[in-house]
Amino acid sequence: MKKYIKIEDLCCANCAAKIEKAATAIEGVTSCKISFMAEKMLVEYDDSADFNGIYKEIVKICKRVEPDCTVSL
């Protein structure tokens, strides 16, 4: 399955890469790609995975890497 997550106010592409790497390590996530310019993340995950749990973990990761960014569906 695929979902887009809006990520606003990332300061740099390096932060985006850190978030991608950490999000890909979440159980059930098969791929994660951030479009820095479009300010969105495409998350691909297993059909059996709980997206709400994945989303909560992504929010935590984003706030840890870039505290001033805003994450929303």
PDB file of N, CA and C in Angstrom:
ATOM      1  N   MET A   1       0.836  -1.174   0.000  1.00  0.00           N
ATOM      2  CA  MET A   1       0.000   0.000   0.000  1.00  0.00           C
ATOM      3  C   MET A   1       0.886   1.244   0.000  1.00  0.00           C
ATOM      4  N   LYS A   2       0.309   2.353  -0.450  1.00  0.00           N
ATOM      5  CA  LYS A   2       1.050   3.612  -0.508  1.00  0.00           C
ATOM      6  C   LYS A   2       0.216   4.735   0.100  1.00  0.00           C
ATOM      7  N   LYS A   3       0.895   5.638   0.778  1.00  0.00           N
ATOM      8  CA  LYS A   3       0.244   6.843   1.315  1.00  0.00           C
ATOM      9  C   LYS A   3       1.225   7.998   1.218  1.00  0.00           C
ATOM     10  N   TYR A   4       0.667   9.181   1.028  1.00  0.00           N
ATOM     11  CA  TYR A   4       1.466  10.404   1.055  1.00  0.00           C
ATOM     12  C   TYR A   4       1.292  11.090   2.392  1.00  0.00           C
ATOM     13  N   ILE A   5       2.386  11.615   2.910  1.00  0.00           N
ATOM     14  CA  ILE A   5       2.385  12.383   4.147  1.00  0.00           C
ATOM     15  C   ILE A   5       2.994  13.742   3.827  1.00  0.00           C
ATOM     16  N   LYS A   6       2.350  14.801   4.258  1.00  0.00           N
ATOM     17  CA  LYS A   6       2.838  16.167   4.035  1.00  0.00           C
ATOM     18  C   LYS A   6       3.879  16.485   5.107  1.00  0.00           C
ATOM     19  N   ILE A   7       5.045  16.958   4.669  1.00  0.00           N
ATOM     20  CA  ILE A   7       6.101  17.364   5.596  1.00  0.00           C
ATOM     21  C   ILE A   7       6.543  18.762   5.193  1.00  0.00           C
ATOM     22  N   GLU A   8       6.176  19.727   6.002  1.00  0.00           N
ATOM     23  CA  GLU A   8       6.486  21.123   5.698  1.00  0.00           C
ATOM     24  C   GLU A   8       7.621  21.635   6.573  1.00  0.00           C
ATOM     25  N   ASP A   9       8.333  22.610   6.054  1.00  0.00           N
ATOM     26  CA  ASP A   9       9.392  23.321   6.780  1.00  0.00           C
ATOM     27  C   ASP A   9      10.624  22.483   7.094  1.00  0.00           C
ATOM     28  N   LEU A  10      10.959  21.543   6.207  1.00  0.00           N
ATOM     29  CA  LEU A  10      12.250  20.867   6.330  1.00  0.00           C
ATOM     30  C   LEU A  10      13.326  21.876   5.961  1.00  0.00           C
ATOM     31  N   CYS A  11      14.408  21.897   6.709  1.00  0.00           N
ATOM     32  CA  CYS A  11      15.430  22.912   6.452  1.00  0.00           C
ATOM     33  C   CYS A  11      16.384  22.535   5.329  1.00  0.00           C
ATOM     34  N   CYS A  12      16.565  21.225   5.087  1.00  0.00           N
ATOM     35  CA  CYS A  12      17.535  20.842   4.057  1.00  0.00           C
ATOM     36  C   CYS A  12      17.293  19.421   3.574  1.00  0.00           C
ATOM     37  N   ALA A  13      17.905  19.104   2.460  1.00  0.00           N
ATOM     38  CA  ALA A  13      17.790  17.764   1.884  1.00  0.00           C
ATOM     39  C   ALA A  13      18.471  16.718   2.765  1.00  0.00           C
ATOM     40  N   ASN A  14      19.480  17.122   3.525  1.00  0.00           N
ATOM     41  CA  ASN A  14      20.158  16.202   4.433  1.00  0.00           C
ATOM     42  C   ASN A  14      19.199  15.695   5.508  1.00  0.00           C
ATOM     43  N   CYS A  15      18.373  16.588   6.043  1.00  0.00           N
ATOM     44  CA  CYS A  15      17.377  16.180   7.041  1.00  0.00           C
ATOM     45  C   CYS A  15      16.367  15.217   6.405  1.00  0.00           C
ATOM     46  N   ALA A  16      15.962  15.510   5.183  1.00  0.00           N
ATOM     47  CA  ALA A  16      15.036  14.632   4.471  1.00  0.00           C
ATOM     48  C   ALA A  16      15.635  13.239   4.321  1.00  0.00           C
ATOM     49  N   ALA A  17      16.900  13.152   3.987  1.00  0.00           N
ATOM     50  CA  ALA A  17      17.570  11.854   3.840  1.00  0.00           C
ATOM     51  C   ALA A  17      17.623  11.098   5.159  1.00  0.00           C
ATOM     52  N   LYS A  18      17.879  11.803   6.250  1.00  0.00           N
ATOM     53  CA  LYS A  18      17.895  11.168   7.575  1.00  0.00           C
ATOM     54  C   LYS A  18      16.519  10.613   7.926  1.00  0.00           C
ATOM     55  N   ILE A  19      15.473  11.376   7.612  1.00  0.00           N
ATOM     56  CA  ILE A  19      14.110  10.933   7.897  1.00  0.00           C
ATOM     57  C   ILE A  19      13.766   9.715   7.043  1.00  0.00           C
ATOM     58  N   GLU A  20      14.119   9.746   5.764  1.00  0.00           N
ATOM     59  CA  GLU A  20      13.875   8.598   4.887  1.00  0.00           C
ATOM     60  C   GLU A  20      14.527   7.333   5.432  1.00  0.00           C
ATOM     61  N   LYS A  21      15.773   7.449   5.817  1.00  0.00           N
ATOM     62  CA  LYS A  21      16.510   6.287   6.315  1.00  0.00           C
ATOM     63  C   LYS A  21      15.866   5.718   7.573  1.00  0.00           C
ATOM     64  N   ALA A  22      15.514   6.580   8.508  1.00  0.00           N
ATOM     65  CA  ALA A  22      14.905   6.123   9.759  1.00  0.00           C
ATOM     66  C   ALA A  22      13.506   5.558   9.521  1.00  0.00           C
ATOM     67  N   ALA A  23      12.735   6.186   8.646  1.00  0.00           N
ATOM     68  CA  ALA A  23      11.368   5.720   8.377  1.00  0.00           C
ATOM     69  C   ALA A  23      11.371   4.372   7.675  1.00  0.00           C
ATOM     70  N   THR A  24      12.356   4.141   6.815  1.00  0.00           N
ATOM     71  CA  THR A  24      12.448   2.863   6.115  1.00  0.00           C
ATOM     72  C   THR A  24      12.721   1.718   7.093  1.00  0.00           C
ATOM     73  N   ALA A  25      13.301   2.037   8.236  1.00  0.00           N
ATOM     74  CA  ALA A  25      13.609   1.013   9.239  1.00  0.00           C
ATOM     75  C   ALA A  25      12.395   0.639  10.100  1.00  0.00           C
ATOM     76  N   ILE A  26      11.288   1.367   9.974  1.00  0.00           N
ATOM     77  CA  ILE A  26      10.079   1.054  10.745  1.00  0.00           C
ATOM     78  C   ILE A  26       9.517  -0.275  10.246  1.00  0.00           C
ATOM     79  N   GLU A  27       9.129  -1.119  11.168  1.00  0.00           N
ATOM     80  CA  GLU A  27       8.574  -2.422  10.805  1.00  0.00           C
ATOM     81  C   GLU A  27       7.336  -2.239   9.922  1.00  0.00           C
ATOM     82  N   GLY A  28       7.327  -2.920   8.793  1.00  0.00           N
ATOM     83  CA  GLY A  28       6.207  -2.856   7.861  1.00  0.00           C
ATOM     84  C   GLY A  28       6.415  -1.895   6.711  1.00  0.00           C
ATOM     85  N   VAL A  29       7.354  -0.958   6.852  1.00  0.00           N
ATOM     86  CA  VAL A  29       7.625   0.003   5.780  1.00  0.00           C
ATOM     87  C   VAL A  29       8.581  -0.640   4.786  1.00  0.00           C
ATOM     88  N   THR A  30       8.204  -0.613   3.511  1.00  0.00           N
ATOM     89  CA  THR A  30       9.051  -1.203   2.478  1.00  0.00           C
ATOM     90  C   THR A  30       9.841  -0.142   1.719  1.00  0.00           C
ATOM     91  N   SER A  31       9.330   1.099   1.699  1.00  0.00           N
ATOM     92  CA  SER A  31      10.012   2.171   0.998  1.00  0.00           C
ATOM     93  C   SER A  31       9.522   3.513   1.518  1.00  0.00           C
ATOM     94  N   CYS A  32      10.420   4.488   1.483  1.00  0.00           N
ATOM     95  CA  CYS A  32      10.072   5.837   1.913  1.00  0.00           C
ATOM     96  C   CYS A  32      10.898   6.815   1.092  1.00  0.00           C
ATOM     97  N   LYS A  33      10.210   7.731   0.423  1.00  0.00           N
ATOM     98  CA  LYS A  33      10.907   8.727  -0.390  1.00  0.00           C
ATOM     99  C   LYS A  33      10.298  10.095  -0.118  1.00  0.00           C
ATOM    100  N   ILE A  34      11.154  11.074   0.145  1.00  0.00           N
ATOM    101  CA  ILE A  34      10.704  12.437   0.397  1.00  0.00           C
ATOM    102  C   ILE A  34      11.028  13.304  -0.808  1.00  0.00           C
ATOM    103  N   SER A  35      10.033  14.033  -1.259  1.00  0.00           N
ATOM    104  CA  SER A  35      10.248  15.060  -2.269  1.00  0.00           C
ATOM    105  C   SER A  35      10.428  16.362  -1.502  1.00  0.00           C
ATOM    106  N   PHE A  36      11.680  16.793  -1.392  1.00  0.00           N
ATOM    107  CA  PHE A  36      12.011  17.989  -0.610  1.00  0.00           C
ATOM    108  C   PHE A  36      11.280  19.214  -1.147  1.00  0.00           C
ATOM    109  N   MET A  37      11.251  19.373  -2.460  1.00  0.00           N
ATOM    110  CA  MET A  37      10.618  20.541  -3.078  1.00  0.00           C
ATOM    111  C   MET A  37       9.093  20.507  -2.939  1.00  0.00           C
ATOM    112  N   ALA A  38       8.493  19.337  -3.081  1.00  0.00           N
ATOM    113  CA  ALA A  38       7.034  19.208  -2.987  1.00  0.00           C
ATOM    114  C   ALA A  38       6.551  19.120  -1.543  1.00  0.00           C
ATOM    115  N   GLU A  39       7.483  18.941  -0.620  1.00  0.00           N
ATOM    116  CA  GLU A  39       7.190  18.830   0.807  1.00  0.00           C
ATOM    117  C   GLU A  39       6.234  17.679   1.107  1.00  0.00           C
ATOM    118  N   LYS A  40       6.527  16.515   0.501  1.00  0.00           N
ATOM    119  CA  LYS A  40       5.718  15.348   0.813  1.00  0.00           C
ATOM    120  C   LYS A  40       6.564  14.085   0.793  1.00  0.00           C
ATOM    121  N   MET A  41       6.077  13.097   1.512  1.00  0.00           N
ATOM    122  CA  MET A  41       6.750  11.812   1.643  1.00  0.00           C
ATOM    123  C   MET A  41       5.809  10.734   1.111  1.00  0.00           C
ATOM    124  N   LEU A  42       6.340   9.857   0.276  1.00  0.00           N
ATOM    125  CA  LEU A  42       5.593   8.694  -0.174  1.00  0.00           C
ATOM    126  C   LEU A  42       6.065   7.507   0.649  1.00  0.00           C
ATOM    127  N   VAL A  43       5.125   6.908   1.376  1.00  0.00           N
ATOM    128  CA  VAL A  43       5.437   5.752   2.213  1.00  0.00           C
ATOM    129  C   VAL A  43       4.765   4.526   1.604  1.00  0.00           C
ATOM    130  N   GLU A  44       5.551   3.509   1.334  1.00  0.00           N
ATOM    131  CA  GLU A  44       5.023   2.236   0.881  1.00  0.00           C
ATOM    132  C   GLU A  44       5.184   1.250   2.028  1.00  0.00           C
ATOM    133  N   TYR A  45       4.129   0.496   2.286  1.00  0.00           N
ATOM    134  CA  TYR A  45       4.150  -0.409   3.440  1.00  0.00           C
ATOM    135  C   TYR A  45       3.373  -1.678   3.140  1.00  0.00           C
ATOM    136  N   ASP A  46       3.637  -2.705   3.937  1.00  0.00           N
ATOM    137  CA  ASP A  46       2.965  -3.999   3.786  1.00  0.00           C
ATOM    138  C   ASP A  46       1.470  -3.854   4.036  1.00  0.00           C
ATOM    139  N   ASP A  47       0.692  -4.660   3.317  1.00  0.00           N
ATOM    140  CA  ASP A  47      -0.760  -4.647   3.497  1.00  0.00           C
ATOM    141  C   ASP A  47      -1.168  -4.990   4.934  1.00  0.00           C
ATOM    142  N   SER A  48      -0.368  -5.790   5.590  1.00  0.00           N
ATOM    143  CA  SER A  48      -0.704  -6.222   6.952  1.00  0.00           C
ATOM    144  C   SER A  48      -0.272  -5.218   8.023  1.00  0.00           C
ATOM    145  N   ALA A  49       0.485  -4.189   7.634  1.00  0.00           N
ATOM    146  CA  ALA A  49       0.999  -3.211   8.603  1.00  0.00           C
ATOM    147  C   ALA A  49      -0.090  -2.210   8.994  1.00  0.00           C
ATOM    148  N   ASP A  50       0.026  -1.698  10.205  1.00  0.00           N
ATOM    149  CA  ASP A  50      -0.900  -0.688  10.721  1.00  0.00           C
ATOM    150  C   ASP A  50      -0.375   0.694  10.355  1.00  0.00           C
ATOM    151  N   PHE A  51      -1.055   1.370   9.416  1.00  0.00           N
ATOM    152  CA  PHE A  51      -0.563   2.665   8.976  1.00  0.00           C
ATOM    153  C   PHE A  51      -0.567   3.689  10.102  1.00  0.00           C
ATOM    154  N   ASN A  52      -1.538   3.661  10.989  1.00  0.00           N
ATOM    155  CA  ASN A  52      -1.582   4.632  12.086  1.00  0.00           C
ATOM    156  C   ASN A  52      -0.341   4.527  12.963  1.00  0.00           C
ATOM    157  N   GLY A  53       0.112   3.315  13.222  1.00  0.00           N
ATOM    158  CA  GLY A  53       1.331   3.116  13.996  1.00  0.00           C
ATOM    159  C   GLY A  53       2.553   3.619  13.246  1.00  0.00           C
ATOM    160  N   ILE A  54       2.593   3.342  11.947  1.00  0.00           N
ATOM    161  CA  ILE A  54       3.693   3.829  11.113  1.00  0.00           C
ATOM    162  C   ILE A  54       3.712   5.353  11.120  1.00  0.00           C
ATOM    163  N   TYR A  55       2.550   5.967  10.945  1.00  0.00           N
ATOM    164  CA  TYR A  55       2.451   7.429  10.916  1.00  0.00           C
ATOM    165  C   TYR A  55       2.961   8.038  12.231  1.00  0.00           C
ATOM    166  N   LYS A  56       2.573   7.471  13.345  1.00  0.00           N
ATOM    167  CA  LYS A  56       3.020   7.984  14.652  1.00  0.00           C
ATOM    168  C   LYS A  56       4.535   7.911  14.781  1.00  0.00           C
ATOM    169  N   GLU A  57       5.129   6.834  14.299  1.00  0.00           N
ATOM    170  CA  GLU A  57       6.585   6.700  14.345  1.00  0.00           C
ATOM    171  C   GLU A  57       7.265   7.714  13.427  1.00  0.00           C
ATOM    172  N   ILE A  58       6.680   7.952  12.259  1.00  0.00           N
ATOM    173  CA  ILE A  58       7.239   8.940  11.336  1.00  0.00           C
ATOM    174  C   ILE A  58       7.194  10.335  11.949  1.00  0.00           C
ATOM    175  N   VAL A  59       6.103  10.667  12.615  1.00  0.00           N
ATOM    176  CA  VAL A  59       5.994  11.970  13.292  1.00  0.00           C
ATOM    177  C   VAL A  59       7.110  12.111  14.326  1.00  0.00           C
ATOM    178  N   LYS A  60       7.352  11.067  15.111  1.00  0.00           N
ATOM    179  CA  LYS A  60       8.421  11.099  16.126  1.00  0.00           C
ATOM    180  C   LYS A  60       9.787  11.309  15.462  1.00  0.00           C
ATOM    181  N   ILE A  61      10.036  10.586  14.389  1.00  0.00           N
ATOM    182  CA  ILE A  61      11.313  10.704  13.677  1.00  0.00           C
ATOM    183  C   ILE A  61      11.501  12.121  13.154  1.00  0.00           C
ATOM    184  N   CYS A  62      10.477  12.652  12.509  1.00  0.00           N
ATOM    185  CA  CYS A  62      10.569  13.999  11.932  1.00  0.00           C
ATOM    186  C   CYS A  62      10.849  15.040  13.004  1.00  0.00           C
ATOM    187  N   LYS A  63      10.177  14.944  14.130  1.00  0.00           N
ATOM    188  CA  LYS A  63      10.370  15.917  15.207  1.00  0.00           C
ATOM    189  C   LYS A  63      11.757  15.803  15.822  1.00  0.00           C
ATOM    190  N   ARG A  64      12.304  14.582  15.840  1.00  0.00           N
ATOM    191  CA  ARG A  64      13.643  14.393  16.387  1.00  0.00           C
ATOM    192  C   ARG A  64      14.702  14.970  15.433  1.00  0.00           C
ATOM    193  N   VAL A  65      14.524  14.731  14.128  1.00  0.00           N
ATOM    194  CA  VAL A  65      15.505  15.185  13.137  1.00  0.00           C
ATOM    195  C   VAL A  65      15.360  16.677  12.860  1.00  0.00           C
ATOM    196  N   GLU A  66      14.127  17.143  12.710  1.00  0.00           N
ATOM    197  CA  GLU A  66      13.849  18.535  12.352  1.00  0.00           C
ATOM    198  C   GLU A  66      12.679  19.045  13.208  1.00  0.00           C
ATOM    199  N   PRO A  67      12.966  19.536  14.418  1.00  0.00           N
ATOM    200  CA  PRO A  67      11.918  19.921  15.378  1.00  0.00           C
ATOM    201  C   PRO A  67      10.911  20.945  14.871  1.00  0.00           C
ATOM    202  N   ASP A  68      11.291  21.773  13.915  1.00  0.00           N
ATOM    203  CA  ASP A  68      10.387  22.829  13.437  1.00  0.00           C
ATOM    204  C   ASP A  68       9.502  22.392  12.277  1.00  0.00           C
ATOM    205  N   CYS A  69       9.624  21.152  11.818  1.00  0.00           N
ATOM    206  CA  CYS A  69       8.806  20.736  10.687  1.00  0.00           C
ATOM    207  C   CYS A  69       7.394  20.355  11.158  1.00  0.00           C
ATOM    208  N   THR A  70       6.460  20.394  10.219  1.00  0.00           N
ATOM    209  CA  THR A  70       5.071  20.044  10.466  1.00  0.00           C
ATOM    210  C   THR A  70       4.748  18.809   9.639  1.00  0.00           C
ATOM    211  N   VAL A  71       4.159  17.810  10.284  1.00  0.00           N
ATOM    212  CA  VAL A  71       3.808  16.555   9.622  1.00  0.00           C
ATOM    213  C   VAL A  71       2.299  16.387   9.664  1.00  0.00           C
ATOM    214  N   SER A  72       1.699  16.099   8.516  1.00  0.00           N
ATOM    215  CA  SER A  72       0.234  15.893   8.485  1.00  0.00           C
ATOM    216  C   SER A  72      -0.136  14.958   7.344  1.00  0.00           C
ATOM    217  N   LEU A  73      -1.332  14.434   7.424  1.00  0.00           N
ATOM    218  CA  LEU A  73      -1.834  13.560   6.347  1.00  0.00           C
ATOM    219  C   LEU A  73      -2.487  14.379   5.270  1.00  0.00           C
TER     220      LEU A  73
END
